[in-house]
Structure formats: C-alpha cells, structure tokens
Amino acid sequence: MAPARVTRDGDEPRHVPVLLDRVLDLLEPALAGGPAVCVDATLGLGGHTEALLTRFPELTVVGLDRDPHALELSARRLAPFGDRARLVHAVYDELPSALADLGIPEVRGVLFDLGVSSMQLDEAERGFAYAQDAPLDMRMDPTRGITAAEVLNSYSAAELTRILRDYGEERFASRIAAAIVRERQKEPFRDSARLVRLLYDVVPAASQRTGGHPAKRTFQALRIEVNGELEVLRRALPAALDALAVGGRIVVLSYHSLEDRMVKRALAERSTSRTPPGLPVELPGHGPQFRLLVRGSEPASDEEIAANPRASSVRLRAAERLGEDT
C-alpha cells in the first residue's frame, strides 16, 4: 500500500495517496462515461477509492483489505457513497472469489498500491516501524498468521539468511542471521528496539553511513515474510488481469524492486505476442492481450517527494486489456 501523508480531520486519519492524479488519469478512459466497476485491491484508508468515487459518479468500487482496522476506518470515510463502495475483508489474491461472491463477472479497472500502509507504519503497536519500540508483530491482518517475533525465534539461521537476502536484499544477511540465533538463545526476541540494537552492532559502520538505517532491509524482509507478500502478489497479478474486461485498465504502484520486477514480468508476458517467431502473420488468438500504458516505470515527481518523502521509492506501471482479435 502506498506510503502517503496522513493528516487529521477531527479524530479521523485522512489518507492522501501517492500519485493520485496520475492514477485517476490512467484509469479514466476505462471508468468514465457510464456504469463501471473497479477493484481497489489494497484499500487501506480509502484515499484512492474516495477519489475514484468522487470523480466517476457512476462507478462502483470493490475495496479489498486484509487489515480489519483499515476496513473499519475506510468504511467510515466512504459511508457517504453508500453501496457504491463495497468493502471486503480479503487478501488481494482472493480477488476472484470476492468478485464471484458479489456476482461481478468482470471489471473495468484494478488498482494495486503495494507494501505497508501509512496507518500501519504510524501505529507503533503494529511493529512495522524500526524507529519506534513495539512488539514484533508486523501482521497486516493481526487476526491470523505468524508474527515477526515468531519468525526470529523459530527460523533456522539458513532460513533467516534466505529471507534477509531475498526479501531485504541485505548484504550482511548471514552475519545478521547468526547474531539473531545467538541472541535468541539468551532470551527470545519480543520487541523491535532489541532487534534494532542488534542490527546497529552487526551491520558495519561504513555501510550504515552510506546505506541508510541498518534496520531498513531487515524490517522489510520480515514484513514480506510474515505477510507472504510476494507469494500473494504472484497469484494476484494474473487473477487481476483475467478479471479485466476488454478496454479495462490496471495500475500498480510498487515500492521496492522485488515487487516492481514481478509486476514488470507479469505485464510484459501479457503484452507480448505468442505467435512463434518467424511466422509472417499473427496467429488468431495469439496476439498481445494487453498494451503497456507507460514507458518503463514512472516515479513520483520531485514536488511530490518533497511534500511526501514516503513517495520517494514509488514506481508506477499500467496496462490496458485489448480485444481478442488484436
């Protein structure tokens, strides 16, 4: 989910999404001009959905989120739109079953705003932010699944090395894993402050000066592991593409290279001809299913990053579904 500014209106958090105008403009050709359904696969606090429902008066948005607290807050925010906002407690790879339960055979738009939400980062007790001491939880859905503390206290050194290397792209993965295993024998890990202290001790000072906060990559890796984010995304992307009607559009906002590479591959596969190389004509039914709407991936502008530093890592990709005879 997009890192975004969260301001306050009374006691309600207000989510100001990253790249909001660009997202709306990309989805407009698919959503404007008549009744349509769009899926906000990562609803969060409902900022994108609120803007979509406001801009397109005949639109219905199906909003999915695994976090019950986010659903509760977004339901209050979106209440003025009535049944045009249909919210579902689900992980985004459950998109097909969510649509089937609602009796919706296809949609005109899908939006993914990946990663951890501002609300989750800003609520210290969730354990996502290394700058605040909190229980090592990191579950986006706190009602189910393994916590970050359980990962730290039960995974082998080899398993910890793998997730730190693969999900955090951490250069010192094996050194950190060995230190975790050594320290948990004295006392199990429970809170984030102890893990952060360990990382300050283990990550070389030179790397800390040039590579950012020493906990950044480890916390990212733990969050991805706890929530199965990459496995969920791997299943969700083809499901979302299959759900789009002809002329429908998908927009994906990613916040680290692992997600972006996965999105790039999924869109490239569907945007490439399946006719064997060397044939003089396109075989029927073998043409590209989608066309890419942006060149490469788009970052946030300098102005947006200055106003909202959490937008600094965003990368946007988008595509449109083509007709069968294309």
Protein backbone atom coordinates (compact mmCIF):
# COMPACT_ATOMS: atom_id res chain seq x y z
CA MET A 1 0.00 0.00 0.00
CA ALA A 2 1.23 3.44 -0.84
CA PRO A 3 3.22 5.32 1.67
CA ALA A 4 1.28 8.57 1.92
CA ARG A 5 0.74 11.58 4.07
CA VAL A 6 -1.79 11.03 6.85
CA THR A 7 -3.35 14.23 8.13
CA ARG A 8 -6.14 14.60 10.67
CA ASP A 9 -9.70 15.80 10.17
CA GLY A 10 -11.10 15.89 13.69
CA ASP A 11 -10.24 12.45 15.03
CA GLU A 12 -10.23 10.73 11.62
CA PRO A 13 -6.98 9.94 9.81
CA ARG A 14 -7.01 11.27 6.24
CA HIS A 15 -5.05 9.33 3.67
CA VAL A 16 -3.51 11.38 0.85
CA PRO A 17 -2.33 8.80 -1.68
CA VAL A 18 0.83 8.95 -3.74
CA LEU A 19 0.43 9.69 -7.49
CA LEU A 20 -3.31 10.20 -7.04
CA ASP A 21 -3.87 12.42 -10.09
CA ARG A 22 -1.80 10.14 -12.32
CA VAL A 23 -3.73 7.07 -11.15
CA LEU A 24 -7.06 8.76 -11.84
CA ASP A 25 -5.97 9.92 -15.28
CA LEU A 26 -4.75 6.46 -16.27
CA LEU A 27 -7.98 4.78 -15.15
CA GLU A 28 -10.32 7.44 -16.58
CA PRO A 29 -10.67 6.05 -20.14
CA ALA A 30 -11.85 2.73 -18.67
CA LEU A 31 -14.12 4.12 -15.94
CA ALA A 32 -15.70 7.30 -17.34
CA GLY A 33 -18.91 7.60 -19.32
CA GLY A 34 -21.20 5.04 -17.71
CA PRO A 35 -21.65 2.42 -15.01
CA ALA A 36 -18.43 0.56 -14.23
CA VAL A 37 -16.75 -1.50 -11.51
CA CYS A 38 -13.19 -1.00 -10.31
CA VAL A 39 -11.28 -3.05 -7.75
CA ASP A 40 -9.08 -1.27 -5.23
CA ALA A 41 -7.13 -4.37 -4.25
CA THR A 42 -5.29 -2.61 -1.40
CA LEU A 43 -7.93 -0.35 0.12
CA GLY A 44 -6.08 0.89 3.20
CA LEU A 45 -7.63 4.10 4.47
CA GLY A 46 -9.60 4.50 1.24
CA GLY A 47 -7.87 7.52 -0.27
CA HIS A 48 -7.77 6.22 -3.83
CA THR A 49 -11.28 4.81 -3.59
CA GLU A 50 -12.70 8.08 -2.29
CA ALA A 51 -11.12 9.97 -5.20
CA LEU A 52 -12.35 7.41 -7.73
CA LEU A 53 -15.93 7.51 -6.45
CA THR A 54 -15.88 11.30 -6.43
CA ARG A 55 -14.52 11.64 -9.95
CA PHE A 56 -16.67 8.93 -11.57
CA PRO A 57 -20.27 9.25 -10.32
CA GLU A 58 -21.47 6.01 -11.90
CA LEU A 59 -18.58 3.93 -10.57
CA THR A 60 -18.74 1.15 -8.00
CA VAL A 61 -15.50 0.26 -6.22
CA VAL A 62 -14.86 -3.13 -4.65
CA GLY A 63 -12.29 -2.46 -1.95
CA LEU A 64 -10.21 -5.34 -0.58
CA ASP A 65 -8.03 -5.24 2.52
CA ARG A 66 -6.67 -7.86 4.89
CA ASP A 67 -6.48 -5.39 7.80
CA PRO A 68 -9.77 -5.23 9.76
CA HIS A 69 -8.84 -1.89 11.33
CA ALA A 70 -8.19 -0.33 7.92
CA LEU A 71 -11.57 -1.61 6.72
CA GLU A 72 -13.29 -0.09 9.71
CA LEU A 73 -11.70 3.32 9.14
CA SER A 74 -12.25 3.30 5.37
CA ALA A 75 -15.89 2.25 5.83
CA ARG A 76 -16.48 5.40 7.87
CA ARG A 77 -14.68 7.51 5.31
CA LEU A 78 -16.61 6.03 2.38
CA ALA A 79 -20.03 5.90 4.05
CA PRO A 80 -21.34 8.92 2.05
CA PHE A 81 -21.03 6.86 -1.15
CA GLY A 82 -23.42 4.18 0.08
CA ASP A 83 -23.38 0.87 -1.78
CA ARG A 84 -21.08 2.28 -4.47
CA ALA A 85 -18.28 1.30 -2.05
CA ARG A 86 -18.35 -2.45 -1.44
CA LEU A 87 -15.69 -3.40 1.08
CA VAL A 88 -14.40 -6.93 1.57
CA HIS A 89 -12.08 -8.39 4.23
CA ALA A 90 -9.73 -10.28 1.92
CA VAL A 91 -6.13 -10.51 0.76
CA TYR A 92 -5.75 -9.34 -2.83
CA ASP A 93 -5.03 -12.80 -4.22
CA GLU A 94 -8.62 -13.61 -3.14
CA LEU A 95 -9.91 -11.15 -5.76
CA PRO A 96 -11.61 -13.83 -7.92
CA SER A 97 -13.63 -15.25 -5.04
CA ALA A 98 -14.52 -11.76 -3.78
CA LEU A 99 -15.90 -10.81 -7.18
CA ALA A 100 -17.72 -14.13 -7.53
CA ASP A 101 -19.38 -13.65 -4.12
CA LEU A 102 -20.58 -10.23 -5.26
CA GLY A 103 -21.84 -11.59 -8.58
CA ILE A 104 -19.42 -9.45 -10.63
CA PRO A 105 -18.12 -11.31 -13.73
CA GLU A 106 -15.62 -8.67 -14.90
CA VAL A 107 -14.36 -5.20 -14.02
CA ARG A 108 -13.18 -2.09 -15.84
CA GLY A 109 -10.29 -1.23 -13.56
CA VAL A 110 -7.91 -2.67 -10.97
CA LEU A 111 -5.58 -0.74 -8.69
CA PHE A 112 -2.78 -2.18 -6.57
CA ASP A 113 -0.99 0.10 -4.10
CA LEU A 114 1.51 -2.32 -2.63
CA GLY A 115 3.51 -2.57 0.56
CA VAL A 116 2.78 -1.35 4.05
CA SER A 117 0.23 1.43 4.60
CA SER A 118 0.79 4.73 6.32
CA MET A 119 -1.64 3.72 9.04
CA GLN A 120 0.34 0.57 9.77
CA LEU A 121 3.63 2.48 9.83
CA ASP A 122 2.22 5.20 12.05
CA GLU A 123 0.61 2.89 14.62
CA ALA A 124 3.59 1.99 16.79
CA GLU A 125 1.95 -1.06 18.34
CA ARG A 126 1.89 -2.83 14.96
CA GLY A 127 5.68 -3.20 14.98
CA PHE A 128 6.30 -2.18 11.34
CA ALA A 129 8.47 0.87 12.05
CA TYR A 130 12.02 0.44 13.28
CA ALA A 131 12.06 4.00 14.64
CA GLN A 132 9.61 3.12 17.42
CA ASP A 133 9.85 0.37 20.04
CA ALA A 134 6.92 -2.03 19.78
CA PRO A 135 6.08 -5.74 19.87
CA LEU A 136 7.50 -7.51 16.83
CA ASP A 137 4.19 -8.31 15.14
CA MET A 138 4.12 -6.93 11.54
CA ARG A 139 0.97 -8.80 10.53
CA MET A 140 -1.22 -6.76 8.20
CA ASP A 141 -4.10 -8.90 9.41
CA PRO A 142 -3.49 -9.15 13.16
CA THR A 143 -6.15 -11.86 13.50
CA ARG A 144 -4.12 -14.59 11.80
CA GLY A 145 -0.68 -15.78 10.83
CA ILE A 146 2.81 -15.88 12.28
CA THR A 147 4.39 -12.78 13.85
CA ALA A 148 7.82 -11.32 13.18
CA ALA A 149 8.89 -12.38 16.68
CA GLU A 150 7.95 -15.98 15.88
CA VAL A 151 10.00 -15.81 12.67
CA LEU A 152 13.03 -14.50 14.56
CA ASN A 153 12.70 -17.05 17.36
CA SER A 154 11.93 -20.18 15.33
CA TYR A 155 13.56 -19.97 11.87
CA SER A 156 16.94 -21.59 11.34
CA ALA A 157 19.98 -19.49 10.53
CA ALA A 158 19.73 -20.67 6.91
CA GLU A 159 16.06 -19.68 6.67
CA LEU A 160 16.72 -16.28 8.21
CA THR A 161 19.62 -15.73 5.83
CA ARG A 162 17.39 -16.57 2.88
CA ILE A 163 14.61 -14.13 3.73
CA LEU A 164 17.04 -11.34 4.64
CA ARG A 165 18.93 -11.83 1.38
CA ASP A 166 15.96 -12.44 -0.94
CA TYR A 167 13.35 -10.13 0.55
CA GLY A 168 15.53 -7.45 2.11
CA GLU A 169 18.40 -7.57 -0.39
CA GLU A 170 20.61 -7.39 2.71
CA ARG A 171 24.36 -7.72 2.04
CA PHE A 172 25.05 -8.89 5.59
CA ALA A 173 22.23 -11.46 5.75
CA SER A 174 24.27 -14.39 7.05
CA ARG A 175 26.02 -12.24 9.68
CA ILE A 176 22.70 -10.86 10.93
CA ALA A 177 21.08 -14.31 10.96
CA ALA A 178 23.92 -15.78 13.01
CA ALA A 179 23.64 -12.93 15.52
CA ILE A 180 19.87 -13.40 15.83
CA VAL A 181 20.26 -17.13 16.51
CA ARG A 182 22.97 -16.43 19.06
CA GLU A 183 21.00 -13.73 20.89
CA ARG A 184 17.69 -15.59 20.98
CA GLN A 185 19.36 -18.39 22.94
CA LYS A 186 19.81 -15.89 25.77
CA GLU A 187 16.26 -14.54 25.52
CA PRO A 188 13.57 -14.69 22.81
CA PHE A 189 13.02 -11.59 20.70
CA ARG A 190 9.84 -9.72 21.61
CA ASP A 191 10.27 -6.04 20.76
CA SER A 192 11.68 -4.03 17.90
CA ALA A 193 14.15 -1.97 19.97
CA ARG A 194 16.24 -5.03 20.82
CA LEU A 195 16.39 -6.08 17.18
CA VAL A 196 17.39 -2.57 16.12
CA ARG A 197 20.20 -2.53 18.69
CA LEU A 198 21.46 -5.86 17.35
CA LEU A 199 21.46 -4.51 13.80
CA TYR A 200 23.41 -1.41 14.82
CA ASP A 201 26.01 -3.73 16.35
CA VAL A 202 26.18 -6.19 13.44
CA VAL A 203 25.97 -4.01 10.31
CA PRO A 204 29.37 -2.39 9.67
CA ALA A 205 29.58 1.32 10.44
CA ALA A 206 30.73 2.14 6.90
CA SER A 207 27.59 0.56 5.47
CA GLN A 208 25.44 2.46 7.93
CA ARG A 209 26.93 5.74 6.72
CA THR A 210 26.18 5.03 3.05
CA GLY A 211 23.30 2.53 3.02
CA GLY A 212 20.69 4.16 5.22
CA HIS A 213 19.30 2.89 8.50
CA PRO A 214 20.76 -0.56 9.33
CA ALA A 215 17.30 -1.91 10.20
CA LYS A 216 15.53 -0.88 6.99
CA ARG A 217 16.23 -4.01 4.94
CA THR A 218 15.74 -6.46 7.81
CA PHE A 219 12.37 -4.97 8.74
CA GLN A 220 11.30 -5.07 5.09
CA ALA A 221 12.31 -8.71 4.80
CA LEU A 222 10.46 -9.71 7.98
CA ARG A 223 7.32 -7.88 6.89
CA ILE A 224 7.32 -9.58 3.49
CA GLU A 225 7.84 -13.00 5.08
CA VAL A 226 5.18 -12.53 7.78
CA ASN A 227 2.56 -11.42 5.26
CA GLY A 228 3.61 -13.64 2.35
CA GLU A 229 3.58 -10.52 0.20
CA LEU A 230 5.48 -11.75 -2.84
CA GLU A 231 3.67 -15.09 -2.99
CA VAL A 232 0.33 -13.29 -2.70
CA LEU A 233 1.30 -10.81 -5.43
CA ARG A 234 2.47 -13.62 -7.71
CA ARG A 235 -1.03 -15.14 -7.52
CA ALA A 236 -2.91 -11.85 -7.53
CA LEU A 237 -1.49 -10.29 -10.69
CA PRO A 238 -2.74 -12.89 -13.20
CA ALA A 239 -6.07 -13.07 -11.38
CA ALA A 240 -6.48 -9.31 -11.69
CA LEU A 241 -5.53 -9.29 -15.37
CA ASP A 242 -8.01 -12.09 -16.07
CA ALA A 243 -10.79 -10.13 -14.32
CA LEU A 244 -10.46 -7.11 -16.62
CA ALA A 245 -12.95 -6.58 -19.44
CA VAL A 246 -11.74 -5.51 -22.88
CA GLY A 247 -10.72 -1.87 -22.54
CA GLY A 248 -10.19 -2.30 -18.80
CA ARG A 249 -7.06 -0.95 -17.19
CA ILE A 250 -4.72 -1.98 -14.36
CA VAL A 251 -2.46 0.39 -12.43
CA VAL A 252 0.15 -0.91 -9.99
CA LEU A 253 2.20 1.14 -7.53
CA SER A 254 5.26 -0.68 -6.19
CA TYR A 255 7.70 0.44 -3.52
CA HIS A 256 10.69 -1.85 -3.84
CA SER A 257 12.48 -3.61 -6.65
CA LEU A 258 11.23 -7.12 -5.85
CA GLU A 259 7.60 -6.07 -6.33
CA ASP A 260 8.36 -3.94 -9.37
CA ARG A 261 10.22 -6.74 -11.15
CA MET A 262 7.31 -9.08 -10.56
CA VAL A 263 4.83 -6.54 -11.93
CA LYS A 264 7.07 -5.83 -14.92
CA ARG A 265 7.25 -9.54 -15.80
CA ALA A 266 3.50 -10.11 -15.44
CA LEU A 267 2.59 -7.16 -17.67
CA ALA A 268 5.32 -7.95 -20.20
CA GLU A 269 4.10 -11.54 -20.60
CA ARG A 270 0.56 -10.40 -21.36
CA SER A 271 1.74 -7.60 -23.68
CA THR A 272 3.83 -9.85 -25.92
CA SER A 273 2.70 -11.79 -28.97
CA ARG A 274 2.51 -15.56 -28.53
CA THR A 275 2.88 -16.24 -32.25
CA PRO A 276 6.04 -18.29 -32.85
CA PRO A 277 8.93 -16.16 -34.13
CA GLY A 278 9.40 -16.19 -37.89
CA LEU A 279 5.76 -16.54 -38.93
CA PRO A 280 4.73 -13.82 -41.41
CA VAL A 281 1.32 -13.17 -39.79
CA GLU A 282 -0.09 -13.10 -36.30
CA LEU A 283 -1.87 -16.35 -35.45
CA PRO A 284 -5.51 -15.83 -34.42
CA GLY A 285 -5.81 -15.64 -30.65
CA HIS A 286 -2.03 -15.34 -30.20
CA GLY A 287 -1.65 -11.57 -30.23
CA PRO A 288 -0.84 -9.47 -27.19
CA GLN A 289 -3.62 -9.42 -24.61
CA PHE A 290 -2.58 -6.09 -23.13
CA ARG A 291 -0.77 -2.92 -24.15
CA LEU A 292 1.52 -1.05 -21.79
CA LEU A 293 0.38 2.48 -20.94
CA VAL A 294 3.63 3.89 -19.55
CA ARG A 295 7.20 3.62 -20.75
CA GLY A 296 9.08 1.56 -18.19
CA SER A 297 8.04 2.58 -14.69
CA GLU A 298 7.14 6.08 -13.52
CA PRO A 299 8.45 7.63 -10.30
CA ALA A 300 6.88 10.38 -8.23
CA SER A 301 7.79 13.95 -9.12
CA ASP A 302 10.33 15.92 -7.13
CA GLU A 303 7.49 18.12 -5.91
CA GLU A 304 5.51 15.18 -4.61
CA ILE A 305 8.53 13.65 -2.90
CA ALA A 306 9.31 16.99 -1.25
CA ALA A 307 5.76 17.14 0.12
CA ASN A 308 5.65 13.43 0.99
CA PRO A 309 9.07 11.77 1.46
CA ARG A 310 7.46 8.32 1.64
CA ALA A 311 6.75 8.63 -2.10
CA SER A 312 10.45 8.55 -2.95
CA SER A 313 10.55 4.86 -3.86
CA VAL A 314 7.25 4.52 -5.74
CA ARG A 315 7.21 3.05 -9.25
CA LEU A 316 4.03 3.04 -11.34
CA ARG A 317 3.18 0.60 -14.14
CA ALA A 318 -0.08 0.34 -16.08
CA ALA A 319 -1.66 -1.62 -18.94
CA GLU A 320 -4.94 -1.89 -20.90
CA ARG A 321 -6.71 -5.06 -21.98
CA LEU A 322 -7.03 -5.49 -25.75
CA GLY A 323 -9.72 -7.23 -27.78
CA GLU A 324 -9.43 -10.88 -28.67
CA ASP A 325 -8.70 -10.16 -32.35
CA THR A 326 -5.80 -7.81 -31.62
